Every structure is written in C-alpha cells, then in structure tokens.
Amino acid sequence: QVELVESGGGSVQVGGSLRLSCTTSGNRFSSYCMGWFRQAPGKEREWVAGIYNGGSHTYYADSVKGRFTISKDNFDNTLFLEMNSLKPDDTAMYYCAADDILRRAAPLSPLECDVVVSGTYNYNYWGQGTQVTVSS
C-alpha cells in the first residue's frame, strides 16, 4: 500500500509564501509524473504543476507560472511546491498525486508526461490534501 501525505499548508496574507511537501510511505514505487492539484469549495479539481521522473522537466498551469516552483527529492520521493506571491485565488485544498511506473504499459517520455500531467486520470496515488488560505 502507498500513502501520500501533504503538509505545509496554512493561512497567509496576499503576497506571502508557503512551501508544501508531499511525503510518500508504504510500498516503494517510482513515478514518471508527479503533480500538484488544488480544489476550491464549489469548484472542480484543478491541476497546478507537474514534474517528470528525476526532475528534468517541470510543467505549470498558466495561473501559477512564475510564482510556483515544483521540485522533488529523488532519494526519498518527496515532492515540494514552493508558492510565492500568493493571491486570494490560490486559496484551496492542495493535493499531491503520483503515477506508478509498474502500472504503465510502456515507458512515459517527458513529452508524453507534458500531455497527460494535468489529467487526474493519469495518477494512481493521491494524498488527502493540505489547506492553503490566502487573505487580503
């Protein structure tokens, strides 16, 4: 069994920063694509950022590009999201997600990850979320 656990959320004022972490535990696994999503009350889950395998490629939603940075510690498979210049529209529950190499029929290239990274269907494992609240 695999477990993803997010942490680092909280309440900040506009323009503030937070750093989210996503730790993995349970059965060891490897991913092609890992990502961050968010969901605000009454809205659909929205993709935020993604990262390929060892971190060689990163992908961002237009709404966060230039403000958020996704990274990964490959040793322990921990995922991070550095969030700067936060806005009220960033208020949401943030979730990390990961696919599992062993569950794919074929290897995934960075270009293919770029195509699927924003789709919730792409991922095998999800965390329970951490709340981010940005107030003006």
Protein backbone atom coordinates (compact mmCIF):
# COMPACT_ATOMS: atom_id res chain seq x y z
CA GLN A 1 0.00 0.00 0.00
CA VAL A 2 1.19 3.50 -0.86
CA GLU A 3 0.41 6.63 1.11
CA LEU A 4 0.99 10.24 0.12
CA VAL A 5 0.85 12.86 2.87
CA GLU A 6 0.82 16.59 2.20
CA SER A 7 1.97 19.19 4.70
CA GLY A 8 2.95 22.84 4.83
CA GLY A 9 -0.39 24.45 4.20
CA GLY A 10 -1.65 27.36 6.26
CA SER A 11 -3.04 30.86 6.24
CA VAL A 12 -1.06 33.70 4.73
CA GLN A 13 -1.70 37.21 3.51
CA VAL A 14 -1.62 38.29 -0.09
CA GLY A 15 1.92 38.27 -1.40
CA GLY A 16 3.08 35.72 1.13
CA SER A 17 4.77 32.40 0.56
CA LEU A 18 4.30 28.79 1.55
CA ARG A 19 6.18 25.59 0.85
CA LEU A 20 4.15 22.42 0.53
CA SER A 21 5.64 18.96 0.94
CA CYS A 22 4.35 15.58 -0.09
CA THR A 23 5.96 12.60 1.54
CA THR A 24 5.49 9.02 0.41
CA SER A 25 5.34 5.93 2.56
CA GLY A 26 4.39 2.31 2.33
CA ASN A 27 5.41 0.23 -0.65
CA ARG A 28 8.25 1.83 -2.51
CA PHE A 29 7.41 2.97 -6.02
CA SER A 30 8.80 5.05 -8.84
CA SER A 31 6.94 7.62 -10.90
CA TYR A 32 7.18 9.13 -14.30
CA CYS A 33 4.87 12.01 -13.44
CA MET A 34 4.10 13.58 -10.11
CA GLY A 35 1.90 16.58 -9.71
CA TRP A 36 0.07 19.06 -7.55
CA PHE A 37 -3.61 19.81 -7.87
CA ARG A 38 -5.92 22.10 -5.95
CA GLN A 39 -9.62 22.34 -5.32
CA ALA A 40 -11.52 25.31 -4.02
CA PRO A 41 -15.01 24.93 -2.50
CA GLY A 42 -17.61 24.51 -5.21
CA LYS A 43 -15.03 24.15 -7.96
CA GLU A 44 -13.51 21.25 -9.84
CA ARG A 45 -10.07 19.93 -9.03
CA GLU A 46 -7.53 21.99 -10.93
CA TRP A 47 -4.04 20.97 -11.99
CA VAL A 48 -1.29 23.27 -10.71
CA ALA A 49 2.13 21.83 -11.54
CA GLY A 50 3.89 18.63 -12.53
CA ILE A 51 7.34 17.14 -12.66
CA TYR A 52 8.90 14.36 -14.66
CA ASN A 53 10.85 11.48 -13.14
CA GLY A 54 14.08 12.84 -11.69
CA GLY A 55 13.04 16.46 -12.06
CA SER A 56 14.45 17.04 -15.52
CA HIS A 57 11.19 18.56 -16.74
CA THR A 58 8.61 20.67 -14.95
CA TYR A 59 5.21 21.83 -16.07
CA TYR A 60 2.97 24.62 -14.77
CA ALA A 61 -0.54 25.90 -15.19
CA ASP A 62 -0.61 29.41 -16.60
CA SER A 63 -2.22 30.69 -13.42
CA VAL A 64 0.84 29.85 -11.32
CA LYS A 65 3.69 30.13 -13.80
CA GLY A 66 6.44 32.36 -12.46
CA ARG A 67 5.09 32.19 -8.90
CA PHE A 68 5.17 28.47 -8.03
CA THR A 69 8.07 26.05 -8.28
CA ILE A 70 7.74 22.28 -8.17
CA SER A 71 10.69 20.13 -7.16
CA LYS A 72 11.45 16.64 -5.99
CA ASP A 73 13.84 14.88 -3.67
CA ASN A 74 14.60 11.74 -5.63
CA PHE A 75 16.21 9.93 -2.72
CA ASP A 76 13.02 9.62 -0.73
CA ASN A 77 10.49 10.50 -3.41
CA THR A 78 9.34 13.66 -1.63
CA LEU A 79 7.56 16.28 -3.71
CA PHE A 80 7.61 20.01 -2.99
CA LEU A 81 5.69 23.06 -4.13
CA GLU A 82 7.20 26.45 -3.39
CA MET A 83 4.47 29.07 -3.65
CA ASN A 84 5.32 32.77 -3.79
CA SER A 85 3.33 35.94 -4.42
CA LEU A 86 0.20 34.19 -3.24
CA LYS A 87 -3.19 35.55 -4.23
CA PRO A 88 -6.68 35.01 -2.80
CA ASP A 89 -7.46 32.90 -5.90
CA ASP A 90 -4.81 30.44 -4.71
CA THR A 91 -6.98 29.55 -1.74
CA ALA A 92 -7.81 25.86 -1.99
CA MET A 93 -7.09 22.39 -0.73
CA TYR A 94 -3.86 21.26 -2.34
CA TYR A 95 -3.28 17.63 -3.28
CA CYS A 96 -0.23 15.77 -4.49
CA ALA A 97 -0.51 12.89 -6.91
CA ALA A 98 1.79 10.31 -8.43
CA ASP A 99 1.67 7.67 -11.10
CA ASP A 100 3.35 4.30 -10.73
CA ILE A 101 5.85 3.11 -13.34
CA LEU A 102 4.82 -0.51 -12.79
CA ARG A 103 1.22 0.31 -13.71
CA ARG A 104 2.07 1.70 -17.13
CA ALA A 105 2.08 -0.47 -20.21
CA ALA A 106 5.02 1.43 -21.65
CA PRO A 107 7.61 4.00 -20.52
CA LEU A 108 6.50 7.63 -20.48
CA SER A 109 8.67 10.28 -22.06
CA PRO A 110 8.87 13.89 -20.84
CA LEU A 111 6.82 14.97 -23.85
CA GLU A 112 4.15 12.38 -23.05
CA CYS A 113 4.15 13.44 -19.41
CA ASP A 114 3.57 17.01 -20.55
CA VAL A 115 0.46 15.82 -22.38
CA VAL A 116 -1.07 13.83 -19.51
CA VAL A 117 0.26 15.60 -16.43
CA SER A 118 -2.82 17.81 -15.99
CA GLY A 119 -5.30 14.94 -16.09
CA THR A 120 -6.47 13.37 -12.84
CA TYR A 121 -6.82 10.05 -14.68
CA ASN A 122 -3.02 9.95 -15.06
CA TYR A 123 -2.35 9.27 -11.40
CA ASN A 124 -2.50 6.14 -9.28
CA TYR A 125 -1.95 7.67 -5.86
CA TRP A 126 -3.37 10.76 -4.15
CA GLY A 127 -2.83 12.45 -0.84
CA GLN A 128 -5.54 13.73 1.48
CA GLY A 129 -4.72 17.37 0.92
CA THR A 130 -3.43 20.38 2.82
CA GLN A 131 -5.38 23.64 3.07
CA VAL A 132 -3.95 26.90 1.78
CA THR A 133 -5.80 30.11 2.61
CA VAL A 134 -4.71 33.47 1.28
CA SER A 135 -6.38 36.55 2.73
CA SER A 136 -6.25 40.14 1.63
